[in-house]
Amino acid sequence: YWWWVLASFILFLVLGLIDGALVAPMMGF
């Protein structure tokens, strides 16, 4: 359970960075 929670946290951290740095500017933000 806790390894899954850590993996999910890391995944969402990376996806948040990608969304904020790359996807948001492509969408006009």
mmCIF file of all heavy atoms, coordinates in Angstrom:
data_MODEL
# 
_entry.id   MODEL 
# 
loop_
_atom_site.group_PDB 
_atom_site.id 
_atom_site.type_symbol 
_atom_site.label_atom_id 
_atom_site.label_alt_id 
_atom_site.label_comp_id 
_atom_site.label_asym_id 
_atom_site.label_entity_id 
_atom_site.label_seq_id 
_atom_site.pdbx_PDB_ins_code 
_atom_site.Cartn_x 
_atom_site.Cartn_y 
_atom_site.Cartn_z 
_atom_site.occupancy 
_atom_site.B_iso_or_equiv 
_atom_site.pdbx_formal_charge 
_atom_site.auth_seq_id 
_atom_site.auth_comp_id 
_atom_site.auth_asym_id 
_atom_site.auth_atom_id 
_atom_site.pdbx_PDB_model_num 
ATOM 1   N N   . TYR A 1 1  ? 0.830  -1.210 0.000   1.00 0.00 ? 1  TYR A N   1 
ATOM 2   C CA  . TYR A 1 1  ? 0.000  0.000  0.000   1.00 0.00 ? 1  TYR A CA  1 
ATOM 3   C C   . TYR A 1 1  ? 0.862  1.258  0.000   1.00 0.00 ? 1  TYR A C   1 
ATOM 4   O O   . TYR A 1 1  ? 0.657  2.149  -0.806  1.00 0.00 ? 1  TYR A O   1 
ATOM 5   C CB  . TYR A 1 1  ? -0.946 0.018  1.205   1.00 0.00 ? 1  TYR A CB  1 
ATOM 6   C CG  . TYR A 1 1  ? -1.776 1.277  1.255   1.00 0.00 ? 1  TYR A CG  1 
ATOM 7   C CD1 . TYR A 1 1  ? -2.863 1.439  0.412   1.00 0.00 ? 1  TYR A CD1 1 
ATOM 8   C CD2 . TYR A 1 1  ? -1.447 2.330  2.104   1.00 0.00 ? 1  TYR A CD2 1 
ATOM 9   C CE1 . TYR A 1 1  ? -3.615 2.599  0.421   1.00 0.00 ? 1  TYR A CE1 1 
ATOM 10  C CE2 . TYR A 1 1  ? -2.189 3.493  2.121   1.00 0.00 ? 1  TYR A CE2 1 
ATOM 11  C CZ  . TYR A 1 1  ? -3.273 3.618  1.278   1.00 0.00 ? 1  TYR A CZ  1 
ATOM 12  O OH  . TYR A 1 1  ? -4.006 4.786  1.279   1.00 0.00 ? 1  TYR A OH  1 
ATOM 13  N N   . TRP A 1 2  ? 1.835  1.369  0.876   1.00 0.00 ? 2  TRP A N   1 
ATOM 14  C CA  . TRP A 1 2  ? 2.581  2.620  1.010   1.00 0.00 ? 2  TRP A CA  1 
ATOM 15  C C   . TRP A 1 2  ? 3.557  2.846  -0.139  1.00 0.00 ? 2  TRP A C   1 
ATOM 16  O O   . TRP A 1 2  ? 3.821  3.995  -0.508  1.00 0.00 ? 2  TRP A O   1 
ATOM 17  C CB  . TRP A 1 2  ? 3.260  2.707  2.376   1.00 0.00 ? 2  TRP A CB  1 
ATOM 18  C CG  . TRP A 1 2  ? 2.223  2.901  3.442   1.00 0.00 ? 2  TRP A CG  1 
ATOM 19  C CD1 . TRP A 1 2  ? 1.821  1.989  4.366   1.00 0.00 ? 2  TRP A CD1 1 
ATOM 20  C CD2 . TRP A 1 2  ? 1.399  4.056  3.635   1.00 0.00 ? 2  TRP A CD2 1 
ATOM 21  N NE1 . TRP A 1 2  ? 0.806  2.515  5.133   1.00 0.00 ? 2  TRP A NE1 1 
ATOM 22  C CE2 . TRP A 1 2  ? 0.527  3.780  4.714   1.00 0.00 ? 2  TRP A CE2 1 
ATOM 23  C CE3 . TRP A 1 2  ? 1.308  5.292  3.009   1.00 0.00 ? 2  TRP A CE3 1 
ATOM 24  C CZ2 . TRP A 1 2  ? -0.403 4.699  5.165   1.00 0.00 ? 2  TRP A CZ2 1 
ATOM 25  C CZ3 . TRP A 1 2  ? 0.371  6.210  3.459   1.00 0.00 ? 2  TRP A CZ3 1 
ATOM 26  C CH2 . TRP A 1 2  ? -0.472 5.908  4.532   1.00 0.00 ? 2  TRP A CH2 1 
ATOM 27  N N   . TRP A 1 3  ? 4.098  1.770  -0.738  1.00 0.00 ? 3  TRP A N   1 
ATOM 28  C CA  . TRP A 1 3  ? 4.901  1.958  -1.949  1.00 0.00 ? 3  TRP A CA  1 
ATOM 29  C C   . TRP A 1 3  ? 4.010  2.480  -3.071  1.00 0.00 ? 3  TRP A C   1 
ATOM 30  O O   . TRP A 1 3  ? 4.444  3.311  -3.881  1.00 0.00 ? 3  TRP A O   1 
ATOM 31  C CB  . TRP A 1 3  ? 5.593  0.664  -2.372  1.00 0.00 ? 3  TRP A CB  1 
ATOM 32  C CG  . TRP A 1 3  ? 6.861  0.368  -1.636  1.00 0.00 ? 3  TRP A CG  1 
ATOM 33  C CD1 . TRP A 1 3  ? 7.114  -0.722 -0.864  1.00 0.00 ? 3  TRP A CD1 1 
ATOM 34  C CD2 . TRP A 1 3  ? 8.058  1.149  -1.608  1.00 0.00 ? 3  TRP A CD2 1 
ATOM 35  N NE1 . TRP A 1 3  ? 8.383  -0.654 -0.347  1.00 0.00 ? 3  TRP A NE1 1 
ATOM 36  C CE2 . TRP A 1 3  ? 8.994  0.485  -0.804  1.00 0.00 ? 3  TRP A CE2 1 
ATOM 37  C CE3 . TRP A 1 3  ? 8.426  2.359  -2.196  1.00 0.00 ? 3  TRP A CE3 1 
ATOM 38  C CZ2 . TRP A 1 3  ? 10.266 0.985  -0.569  1.00 0.00 ? 3  TRP A CZ2 1 
ATOM 39  C CZ3 . TRP A 1 3  ? 9.695  2.847  -1.970  1.00 0.00 ? 3  TRP A CZ3 1 
ATOM 40  C CH2 . TRP A 1 3  ? 10.599 2.172  -1.164  1.00 0.00 ? 3  TRP A CH2 1 
ATOM 41  N N   . TRP A 1 4  ? 2.779  1.988  -3.169  1.00 0.00 ? 4  TRP A N   1 
ATOM 42  C CA  . TRP A 1 4  ? 1.844  2.472  -4.176  1.00 0.00 ? 4  TRP A CA  1 
ATOM 43  C C   . TRP A 1 4  ? 1.543  3.953  -3.954  1.00 0.00 ? 4  TRP A C   1 
ATOM 44  O O   . TRP A 1 4  ? 1.502  4.741  -4.898  1.00 0.00 ? 4  TRP A O   1 
ATOM 45  C CB  . TRP A 1 4  ? 0.559  1.652  -4.162  1.00 0.00 ? 4  TRP A CB  1 
ATOM 46  C CG  . TRP A 1 4  ? -0.514 2.244  -5.006  1.00 0.00 ? 4  TRP A CG  1 
ATOM 47  C CD1 . TRP A 1 4  ? -1.606 2.944  -4.587  1.00 0.00 ? 4  TRP A CD1 1 
ATOM 48  C CD2 . TRP A 1 4  ? -0.592 2.232  -6.434  1.00 0.00 ? 4  TRP A CD2 1 
ATOM 49  N NE1 . TRP A 1 4  ? -2.344 3.356  -5.659  1.00 0.00 ? 4  TRP A NE1 1 
ATOM 50  C CE2 . TRP A 1 4  ? -1.751 2.929  -6.801  1.00 0.00 ? 4  TRP A CE2 1 
ATOM 51  C CE3 . TRP A 1 4  ? 0.219  1.697  -7.430  1.00 0.00 ? 4  TRP A CE3 1 
ATOM 52  C CZ2 . TRP A 1 4  ? -2.124 3.107  -8.130  1.00 0.00 ? 4  TRP A CZ2 1 
ATOM 53  C CZ3 . TRP A 1 4  ? -0.154 1.864  -8.748  1.00 0.00 ? 4  TRP A CZ3 1 
ATOM 54  C CH2 . TRP A 1 4  ? -1.311 2.563  -9.086  1.00 0.00 ? 4  TRP A CH2 1 
ATOM 55  N N   . VAL A 1 5  ? 1.315  4.327  -2.703  1.00 0.00 ? 5  VAL A N   1 
ATOM 56  C CA  . VAL A 1 5  ? 1.032  5.731  -2.393  1.00 0.00 ? 5  VAL A CA  1 
ATOM 57  C C   . VAL A 1 5  ? 2.211  6.611  -2.799  1.00 0.00 ? 5  VAL A C   1 
ATOM 58  O O   . VAL A 1 5  ? 2.022  7.677  -3.414  1.00 0.00 ? 5  VAL A O   1 
ATOM 59  C CB  . VAL A 1 5  ? 0.702  5.905  -0.887  1.00 0.00 ? 5  VAL A CB  1 
ATOM 60  C CG1 . VAL A 1 5  ? 0.668  7.370  -0.490  1.00 0.00 ? 5  VAL A CG1 1 
ATOM 61  C CG2 . VAL A 1 5  ? -0.624 5.239  -0.560  1.00 0.00 ? 5  VAL A CG2 1 
ATOM 62  N N   . LEU A 1 6  ? 3.434  6.196  -2.499  1.00 0.00 ? 6  LEU A N   1 
ATOM 63  C CA  . LEU A 1 6  ? 4.619  6.967  -2.873  1.00 0.00 ? 6  LEU A CA  1 
ATOM 64  C C   . LEU A 1 6  ? 4.753  7.064  -4.394  1.00 0.00 ? 6  LEU A C   1 
ATOM 65  O O   . LEU A 1 6  ? 5.021  8.149  -4.926  1.00 0.00 ? 6  LEU A O   1 
ATOM 66  C CB  . LEU A 1 6  ? 5.879  6.345  -2.267  1.00 0.00 ? 6  LEU A CB  1 
ATOM 67  C CG  . LEU A 1 6  ? 7.189  7.048  -2.614  1.00 0.00 ? 6  LEU A CG  1 
ATOM 68  C CD1 . LEU A 1 6  ? 7.194  8.484  -2.086  1.00 0.00 ? 6  LEU A CD1 1 
ATOM 69  C CD2 . LEU A 1 6  ? 8.370  6.262  -2.061  1.00 0.00 ? 6  LEU A CD2 1 
ATOM 70  N N   . ALA A 1 7  ? 4.544  5.951  -5.101  1.00 0.00 ? 7  ALA A N   1 
ATOM 71  C CA  . ALA A 1 7  ? 4.631  5.958  -6.566  1.00 0.00 ? 7  ALA A CA  1 
ATOM 72  C C   . ALA A 1 7  ? 3.579  6.885  -7.162  1.00 0.00 ? 7  ALA A C   1 
ATOM 73  O O   . ALA A 1 7  ? 3.861  7.637  -8.105  1.00 0.00 ? 7  ALA A O   1 
ATOM 74  C CB  . ALA A 1 7  ? 4.473  4.543  -7.113  1.00 0.00 ? 7  ALA A CB  1 
ATOM 75  N N   . SER A 1 8  ? 2.369  6.852  -6.618  1.00 0.00 ? 8  SER A N   1 
ATOM 76  C CA  . SER A 1 8  ? 1.302  7.735  -7.105  1.00 0.00 ? 8  SER A CA  1 
ATOM 77  C C   . SER A 1 8  ? 1.651  9.196  -6.857  1.00 0.00 ? 8  SER A C   1 
ATOM 78  O O   . SER A 1 8  ? 1.439  10.053 -7.720  1.00 0.00 ? 8  SER A O   1 
ATOM 79  C CB  . SER A 1 8  ? -0.025 7.409  -6.418  1.00 0.00 ? 8  SER A CB  1 
ATOM 80  O OG  . SER A 1 8  ? -0.448 6.116  -6.738  1.00 0.00 ? 8  SER A OG  1 
ATOM 81  N N   . PHE A 1 9  ? 2.200  9.489  -5.679  1.00 0.00 ? 9  PHE A N   1 
ATOM 82  C CA  . PHE A 1 9  ? 2.584  10.854 -5.350  1.00 0.00 ? 9  PHE A CA  1 
ATOM 83  C C   . PHE A 1 9  ? 3.641  11.371 -6.326  1.00 0.00 ? 9  PHE A C   1 
ATOM 84  O O   . PHE A 1 9  ? 3.538  12.490 -6.835  1.00 0.00 ? 9  PHE A O   1 
ATOM 85  C CB  . PHE A 1 9  ? 3.107  10.923 -3.906  1.00 0.00 ? 9  PHE A CB  1 
ATOM 86  C CG  . PHE A 1 9  ? 3.596  12.276 -3.514  1.00 0.00 ? 9  PHE A CG  1 
ATOM 87  C CD1 . PHE A 1 9  ? 2.696  13.274 -3.180  1.00 0.00 ? 9  PHE A CD1 1 
ATOM 88  C CD2 . PHE A 1 9  ? 4.950  12.565 -3.482  1.00 0.00 ? 9  PHE A CD2 1 
ATOM 89  C CE1 . PHE A 1 9  ? 3.141  14.545 -2.828  1.00 0.00 ? 9  PHE A CE1 1 
ATOM 90  C CE2 . PHE A 1 9  ? 5.410  13.814 -3.133  1.00 0.00 ? 9  PHE A CE2 1 
ATOM 91  C CZ  . PHE A 1 9  ? 4.495  14.808 -2.810  1.00 0.00 ? 9  PHE A CZ  1 
ATOM 92  N N   . ILE A 1 10 ? 4.650  10.538 -6.599  1.00 0.00 ? 10 ILE A N   1 
ATOM 93  C CA  . ILE A 1 10 ? 5.709  10.932 -7.536  1.00 0.00 ? 10 ILE A CA  1 
ATOM 94  C C   . ILE A 1 10 ? 5.132  11.139 -8.929  1.00 0.00 ? 10 ILE A C   1 
ATOM 95  O O   . ILE A 1 10 ? 5.467  12.115 -9.619  1.00 0.00 ? 10 ILE A O   1 
ATOM 96  C CB  . ILE A 1 10 ? 6.841  9.889  -7.540  1.00 0.00 ? 10 ILE A CB  1 
ATOM 97  C CG1 . ILE A 1 10 ? 7.576  9.912  -6.193  1.00 0.00 ? 10 ILE A CG1 1 
ATOM 98  C CG2 . ILE A 1 10 ? 7.813  10.133 -8.688  1.00 0.00 ? 10 ILE A CG2 1 
ATOM 99  C CD1 . ILE A 1 10 ? 8.535  8.759  -5.988  1.00 0.00 ? 10 ILE A CD1 1 
ATOM 100 N N   . LEU A 1 11 ? 4.252  10.231 -9.368  1.00 0.00 ? 11 LEU A N   1 
ATOM 101 C CA  . LEU A 1 11 ? 3.626  10.363 -10.680 1.00 0.00 ? 11 LEU A CA  1 
ATOM 102 C C   . LEU A 1 11 ? 2.865  11.681 -10.793 1.00 0.00 ? 11 LEU A C   1 
ATOM 103 O O   . LEU A 1 11 ? 3.025  12.417 -11.769 1.00 0.00 ? 11 LEU A O   1 
ATOM 104 C CB  . LEU A 1 11 ? 2.676  9.192  -10.942 1.00 0.00 ? 11 LEU A CB  1 
ATOM 105 C CG  . LEU A 1 11 ? 1.845  9.312  -12.221 1.00 0.00 ? 11 LEU A CG  1 
ATOM 106 C CD1 . LEU A 1 11 ? 2.716  9.146  -13.456 1.00 0.00 ? 11 LEU A CD1 1 
ATOM 107 C CD2 . LEU A 1 11 ? 0.709  8.304  -12.213 1.00 0.00 ? 11 LEU A CD2 1 
ATOM 108 N N   . PHE A 1 12 ? 2.049  12.000 -9.786  1.00 0.00 ? 12 PHE A N   1 
ATOM 109 C CA  . PHE A 1 12 ? 1.256  13.230 -9.857  1.00 0.00 ? 12 PHE A CA  1 
ATOM 110 C C   . PHE A 1 12 ? 2.116  14.477 -9.729  1.00 0.00 ? 12 PHE A C   1 
ATOM 111 O O   . PHE A 1 12 ? 1.782  15.524 -10.291 1.00 0.00 ? 12 PHE A O   1 
ATOM 112 C CB  . PHE A 1 12 ? 0.130  13.214 -8.821  1.00 0.00 ? 12 PHE A CB  1 
ATOM 113 C CG  . PHE A 1 12 ? -0.978 12.277 -9.208  1.00 0.00 ? 12 PHE A CG  1 
ATOM 114 C CD1 . PHE A 1 12 ? -1.242 11.145 -8.478  1.00 0.00 ? 12 PHE A CD1 1 
ATOM 115 C CD2 . PHE A 1 12 ? -1.738 12.518 -10.339 1.00 0.00 ? 12 PHE A CD2 1 
ATOM 116 C CE1 . PHE A 1 12 ? -2.242 10.271 -8.847  1.00 0.00 ? 12 PHE A CE1 1 
ATOM 117 C CE2 . PHE A 1 12 ? -2.754 11.657 -10.728 1.00 0.00 ? 12 PHE A CE2 1 
ATOM 118 C CZ  . PHE A 1 12 ? -3.002 10.533 -9.971  1.00 0.00 ? 12 PHE A CZ  1 
ATOM 119 N N   . LEU A 1 13 ? 3.227  14.391 -9.016  1.00 0.00 ? 13 LEU A N   1 
ATOM 120 C CA  . LEU A 1 13 ? 4.157  15.507 -8.940  1.00 0.00 ? 13 LEU A CA  1 
ATOM 121 C C   . LEU A 1 13 ? 4.762  15.783 -10.318 1.00 0.00 ? 13 LEU A C   1 
ATOM 122 O O   . LEU A 1 13 ? 4.787  16.932 -10.777 1.00 0.00 ? 13 LEU A O   1 
ATOM 123 C CB  . LEU A 1 13 ? 5.256  15.209 -7.918  1.00 0.00 ? 13 LEU A CB  1 
ATOM 124 C CG  . LEU A 1 13 ? 6.260  16.315 -7.656  1.00 0.00 ? 13 LEU A CG  1 
ATOM 125 C CD1 . LEU A 1 13 ? 5.592  17.486 -6.966  1.00 0.00 ? 13 LEU A CD1 1 
ATOM 126 C CD2 . LEU A 1 13 ? 7.399  15.781 -6.803  1.00 0.00 ? 13 LEU A CD2 1 
ATOM 127 N N   . VAL A 1 14 ? 5.210  14.729 -10.989 1.00 0.00 ? 14 VAL A N   1 
ATOM 128 C CA  . VAL A 1 14 ? 5.801  14.873 -12.323 1.00 0.00 ? 14 VAL A CA  1 
ATOM 129 C C   . VAL A 1 14 ? 4.755  15.376 -13.321 1.00 0.00 ? 14 VAL A C   1 
ATOM 130 O O   . VAL A 1 14 ? 5.024  16.287 -14.120 1.00 0.00 ? 14 VAL A O   1 
ATOM 131 C CB  . VAL A 1 14 ? 6.415  13.530 -12.792 1.00 0.00 ? 14 VAL A CB  1 
ATOM 132 C CG1 . VAL A 1 14 ? 6.786  13.574 -14.261 1.00 0.00 ? 14 VAL A CG1 1 
ATOM 133 C CG2 . VAL A 1 14 ? 7.630  13.187 -11.937 1.00 0.00 ? 14 VAL A CG2 1 
ATOM 134 N N   . LEU A 1 15 ? 3.552  14.796 -13.280 1.00 0.00 ? 15 LEU A N   1 
ATOM 135 C CA  . LEU A 1 15 ? 2.503  15.239 -14.199 1.00 0.00 ? 15 LEU A CA  1 
ATOM 136 C C   . LEU A 1 15 ? 2.094  16.687 -13.938 1.00 0.00 ? 15 LEU A C   1 
ATOM 137 O O   . LEU A 1 15 ? 1.807  17.433 -14.879 1.00 0.00 ? 15 LEU A O   1 
ATOM 138 C CB  . LEU A 1 15 ? 1.281  14.327 -14.102 1.00 0.00 ? 15 LEU A CB  1 
ATOM 139 C CG  . LEU A 1 15 ? 1.451  12.920 -14.654 1.00 0.00 ? 15 LEU A CG  1 
ATOM 140 C CD1 . LEU A 1 15 ? 0.182  12.105 -14.432 1.00 0.00 ? 15 LEU A CD1 1 
ATOM 141 C CD2 . LEU A 1 15 ? 1.827  12.949 -16.121 1.00 0.00 ? 15 LEU A CD2 1 
ATOM 142 N N   . GLY A 1 16 ? 2.085  17.099 -12.678 1.00 0.00 ? 16 GLY A N   1 
ATOM 143 C CA  . GLY A 1 16 ? 1.783  18.494 -12.356 1.00 0.00 ? 16 GLY A CA  1 
ATOM 144 C C   . GLY A 1 16 ? 2.826  19.443 -12.915 1.00 0.00 ? 16 GLY A C   1 
ATOM 145 O O   . GLY A 1 16 ? 2.503  20.525 -13.414 1.00 0.00 ? 16 GLY A O   1 
ATOM 146 N N   . LEU A 1 17 ? 4.087  19.033 -12.840 1.00 0.00 ? 17 LEU A N   1 
ATOM 147 C CA  . LEU A 1 17 ? 5.156  19.857 -13.416 1.00 0.00 ? 17 LEU A CA  1 
ATOM 148 C C   . LEU A 1 17 ? 5.036  19.945 -14.938 1.00 0.00 ? 17 LEU A C   1 
ATOM 149 O O   . LEU A 1 17 ? 5.206  21.018 -15.523 1.00 0.00 ? 17 LEU A O   1 
ATOM 150 C CB  . LEU A 1 17 ? 6.522  19.302 -13.017 1.00 0.00 ? 17 LEU A CB  1 
ATOM 151 C CG  . LEU A 1 17 ? 6.905  19.446 -11.548 1.00 0.00 ? 17 LEU A CG  1 
ATOM 152 C CD1 . LEU A 1 17 ? 8.192  18.691 -11.248 1.00 0.00 ? 17 LEU A CD1 1 
ATOM 153 C CD2 . LEU A 1 17 ? 7.032  20.908 -11.168 1.00 0.00 ? 17 LEU A CD2 1 
ATOM 154 N N   . ILE A 1 18 ? 4.747  18.812 -15.570 1.00 0.00 ? 18 ILE A N   1 
ATOM 155 C CA  . ILE A 1 18 ? 4.582  18.818 -17.029 1.00 0.00 ? 18 ILE A CA  1 
ATOM 156 C C   . ILE A 1 18 ? 3.377  19.656 -17.429 1.00 0.00 ? 18 ILE A C   1 
ATOM 157 O O   . ILE A 1 18 ? 3.453  20.461 -18.365 1.00 0.00 ? 18 ILE A O   1 
ATOM 158 C CB  . ILE A 1 18 ? 4.466  17.371 -17.568 1.00 0.00 ? 18 ILE A CB  1 
ATOM 159 C CG1 . ILE A 1 18 ? 5.785  16.632 -17.379 1.00 0.00 ? 18 ILE A CG1 1 
ATOM 160 C CG2 . ILE A 1 18 ? 4.046  17.372 -19.035 1.00 0.00 ? 18 ILE A CG2 1 
ATOM 161 C CD1 . ILE A 1 18 ? 5.701  15.147 -17.651 1.00 0.00 ? 18 ILE A CD1 1 
ATOM 162 N N   . ASP A 1 19 ? 2.269  19.476 -16.713 1.00 0.00 ? 19 ASP A N   1 
ATOM 163 C CA  . ASP A 1 19 ? 1.078  20.275 -17.010 1.00 0.00 ? 19 ASP A CA  1 
ATOM 164 C C   . ASP A 1 19 ? 1.350  21.761 -16.844 1.00 0.00 ? 19 ASP A C   1 
ATOM 165 O O   . ASP A 1 19 ? 0.934  22.577 -17.671 1.00 0.00 ? 19 ASP A O   1 
ATOM 166 C CB  . ASP A 1 19 ? -0.088 19.871 -16.089 1.00 0.00 ? 19 ASP A CB  1 
ATOM 167 C CG  . ASP A 1 19 ? -0.838 18.646 -16.578 1.00 0.00 ? 19 ASP A CG  1 
ATOM 168 O OD1 . ASP A 1 19 ? -0.777 18.349 -17.785 1.00 0.00 ? 19 ASP A OD1 1 
ATOM 169 O OD2 . ASP A 1 19 ? -1.499 17.992 -15.748 1.00 0.00 ? 19 ASP A OD2 1 
ATOM 170 N N   . GLY A 1 20 ? 2.039  22.121 -15.756 1.00 0.00 ? 20 GLY A N   1 
ATOM 171 C CA  . GLY A 1 20 ? 2.292  23.533 -15.491 1.00 0.00 ? 20 GLY A CA  1 
ATOM 172 C C   . GLY A 1 20 ? 3.301  24.158 -16.424 1.00 0.00 ? 20 GLY A C   1 
ATOM 173 O O   . GLY A 1 20 ? 3.138  25.299 -16.865 1.00 0.00 ? 20 GLY A O   1 
ATOM 174 N N   . ALA A 1 21 ? 4.357  23.415 -16.744 1.00 0.00 ? 21 ALA A N   1 
ATOM 175 C CA  . ALA A 1 21 ? 5.442  23.990 -17.543 1.00 0.00 ? 21 ALA A CA  1 
ATOM 176 C C   . ALA A 1 21 ? 5.204  23.896 -19.044 1.00 0.00 ? 21 ALA A C   1 
ATOM 177 O O   . ALA A 1 21 ? 5.597  24.796 -19.792 1.00 0.00 ? 21 ALA A O   1 
ATOM 178 C CB  . ALA A 1 21 ? 6.758  23.300 -17.193 1.00 0.00 ? 21 ALA A CB  1 
ATOM 179 N N   . LEU A 1 22 ? 4.580  22.828 -19.504 1.00 0.00 ? 22 LEU A N   1 
ATOM 180 C CA  . LEU A 1 22 ? 4.437  22.618 -20.943 1.00 0.00 ? 22 LEU A CA  1 
ATOM 181 C C   . LEU A 1 22 ? 3.011  22.757 -21.466 1.00 0.00 ? 22 LEU A C   1 
ATOM 182 O O   . LEU A 1 22 ? 2.776  23.430 -22.457 1.00 0.00 ? 22 LEU A O   1 
ATOM 183 C CB  . LEU A 1 22 ? 4.985  21.230 -21.319 1.00 0.00 ? 22 LEU A CB  1 
ATOM 184 C CG  . LEU A 1 22 ? 6.449  20.972 -21.005 1.00 0.00 ? 22 LEU A CG  1 
ATOM 185 C CD1 . LEU A 1 22 ? 6.812  19.531 -21.319 1.00 0.00 ? 22 LEU A CD1 1 
ATOM 186 C CD2 . LEU A 1 22 ? 7.328  21.928 -21.773 1.00 0.00 ? 22 LEU A CD2 1 
ATOM 187 N N   . VAL A 1 23 ? 2.076  22.091 -20.807 1.00 0.00 ? 23 VAL A N   1 
ATOM 188 C CA  . VAL A 1 23 ? 0.706  22.049 -21.324 1.00 0.00 ? 23 VAL A CA  1 
ATOM 189 C C   . VAL A 1 23 ? -0.006 23.385 -21.140 1.00 0.00 ? 23 VAL A C   1 
ATOM 190 O O   . VAL A 1 23 ? -0.677 23.860 -22.051 1.00 0.00 ? 23 VAL A O   1 
ATOM 191 C CB  . VAL A 1 23 ? -0.092 20.899 -20.677 1.00 0.00 ? 23 VAL A CB  1 
ATOM 192 C CG1 . VAL A 1 23 ? -1.524 20.893 -21.152 1.00 0.00 ? 23 VAL A CG1 1 
ATOM 193 C CG2 . VAL A 1 23 ? 0.573  19.556 -20.973 1.00 0.00 ? 23 VAL A CG2 1 
ATOM 194 N N   . ALA A 1 24 ? 0.140  23.998 -19.978 1.00 0.00 ? 24 ALA A N   1 
ATOM 195 C CA  . ALA A 1 24 ? -0.538 25.273 -19.724 1.00 0.00 ? 24 ALA A CA  1 
ATOM 196 C C   . ALA A 1 24 ? -0.155 26.348 -20.744 1.00 0.00 ? 24 ALA A C   1 
ATOM 197 O O   . ALA A 1 24 ? -1.040 27.001 -21.310 1.00 0.00 ? 24 ALA A O   1 
ATOM 198 C CB  . ALA A 1 24 ? -0.268 25.743 -18.298 1.00 0.00 ? 24 ALA A CB  1 
ATOM 199 N N   . PRO A 1 25 ? 1.138  26.566 -21.036 1.00 0.00 ? 25 PRO A N   1 
ATOM 200 C CA  . PRO A 1 25 ? 1.481  27.565 -22.054 1.00 0.00 ? 25 PRO A CA  1 
ATOM 201 C C   . PRO A 1 25 ? 0.946  27.214 -23.443 1.00 0.00 ? 25 PRO A C   1 
ATOM 202 O O   . PRO A 1 25 ? 0.588  28.114 -24.216 1.00 0.00 ? 25 PRO A O   1 
ATOM 203 C CB  . PRO A 1 25 ? 3.012  27.574 -22.044 1.00 0.00 ? 25 PRO A CB  1 
ATOM 204 C CG  . PRO A 1 25 ? 3.391  27.121 -20.692 1.00 0.00 ? 25 PRO A CG  1 
ATOM 205 C CD  . PRO A 1 25 ? 2.339  26.114 -20.328 1.00 0.00 ? 25 PRO A CD  1 
ATOM 206 N N   . MET A 1 26 ? 0.881  25.918 -23.765 1.00 0.00 ? 26 MET A N   1 
ATOM 207 C CA  . MET A 1 26 ? 0.327  25.521 -25.065 1.00 0.00 ? 26 MET A CA  1 
ATOM 208 C C   . MET A 1 26 ? -1.170 25.813 -25.158 1.00 0.00 ? 26 MET A C   1 
ATOM 209 O O   . MET A 1 26 ? -1.699 25.985 -26.246 1.00 0.00 ? 26 MET A O   1 
ATOM 210 C CB  . MET A 1 26 ? 0.564  24.026 -25.315 1.00 0.00 ? 26 MET A CB  1 
ATOM 211 C CG  . MET A 1 26 ? 2.017  23.702 -25.584 1.00 0.00 ? 26 MET A CG  1 
ATOM 212 S SD  . MET A 1 26 ? 2.406  21.999 -26.057 1.00 0.00 ? 26 MET A SD  1 
ATOM 213 C CE  . MET A 1 26 ? 1.070  21.016 -25.551 1.00 0.00 ? 26 MET A CE  1 
ATOM 214 N N   . MET A 1 27 ? -1.829 25.877 -24.003 1.00 0.00 ? 27 MET A N   1 
ATOM 215 C CA  . MET A 1 27 ? -3.270 26.143 -23.979 1.00 0.00 ? 27 MET A CA  1 
ATOM 216 C C   . MET A 1 27 ? -3.582 27.626 -23.774 1.00 0.00 ? 27 MET A C   1 
ATOM 217 O O   . MET A 1 27 ? -4.733 27.999 -23.594 1.00 0.00 ? 27 MET A O   1 
ATOM 218 C CB  . MET A 1 27 ? -3.933 25.331 -22.860 1.00 0.00 ? 27 MET A CB  1 
ATOM 219 C CG  . MET A 1 27 ? -3.706 23.833 -22.977 1.00 0.00 ? 27 MET A CG  1 
ATOM 220 S SD  . MET A 1 27 ? -4.498 23.153 -24.406 1.00 0.00 ? 27 MET A SD  1 
ATOM 221 C CE  . MET A 1 27 ? -5.994 22.585 -23.700 1.00 0.00 ? 27 MET A CE  1 
ATOM 222 N N   . GLY A 1 28 ? -2.557 28.481 -23.767 1.00 0.00 ? 28 GLY A N   1 
ATOM 223 C CA  . GLY A 1 28 ? -2.769 29.920 -23.670 1.00 0.00 ? 28 GLY A CA  1 
ATOM 224 C C   . GLY A 1 28 ? -2.719 30.474 -22.265 1.00 0.00 ? 28 GLY A C   1 
ATOM 225 O O   . GLY A 1 28 ? -3.096 31.619 -22.039 1.00 0.00 ? 28 GLY A O   1 
ATOM 226 N N   . PHE A 1 29 ? -2.270 29.707 -21.305 1.00 0.00 ? 29 PHE A N   1 
ATOM 227 C CA  . PHE A 1 29 ? -2.144 30.172 -19.923 1.00 0.00 ? 29 PHE A CA  1 
ATOM 228 C C   . PHE A 1 29 ? -0.686 30.479 -19.621 1.00 0.00 ? 29 PHE A C   1 
ATOM 229 O O   . PHE A 1 29 ? 0.207  30.053 -20.334 1.00 0.00 ? 29 PHE A O   1 
ATOM 230 C CB  . PHE A 1 29 ? -2.638 29.096 -18.941 1.00 0.00 ? 29 PHE A CB  1 
ATOM 231 C CG  . PHE A 1 29 ? -4.099 28.800 -19.033 1.00 0.00 ? 29 PHE A CG  1 
ATOM 232 C CD1 . PHE A 1 29 ? -4.560 27.744 -19.816 1.00 0.00 ? 29 PHE A CD1 1 
ATOM 233 C CD2 . PHE A 1 29 ? -5.021 29.561 -18.339 1.00 0.00 ? 29 PHE A CD2 1 
ATOM 234 C CE1 . PHE A 1 29 ? -5.907 27.456 -19.898 1.00 0.00 ? 29 PHE A CE1 1 
ATOM 235 C CE2 . PHE A 1 29 ? -6.376 29.278 -18.418 1.00 0.00 ? 29 PHE A CE2 1 
ATOM 236 C CZ  . PHE A 1 29 ? -6.817 28.230 -19.199 1.00 0.00 ? 29 PHE A CZ  1 
# 
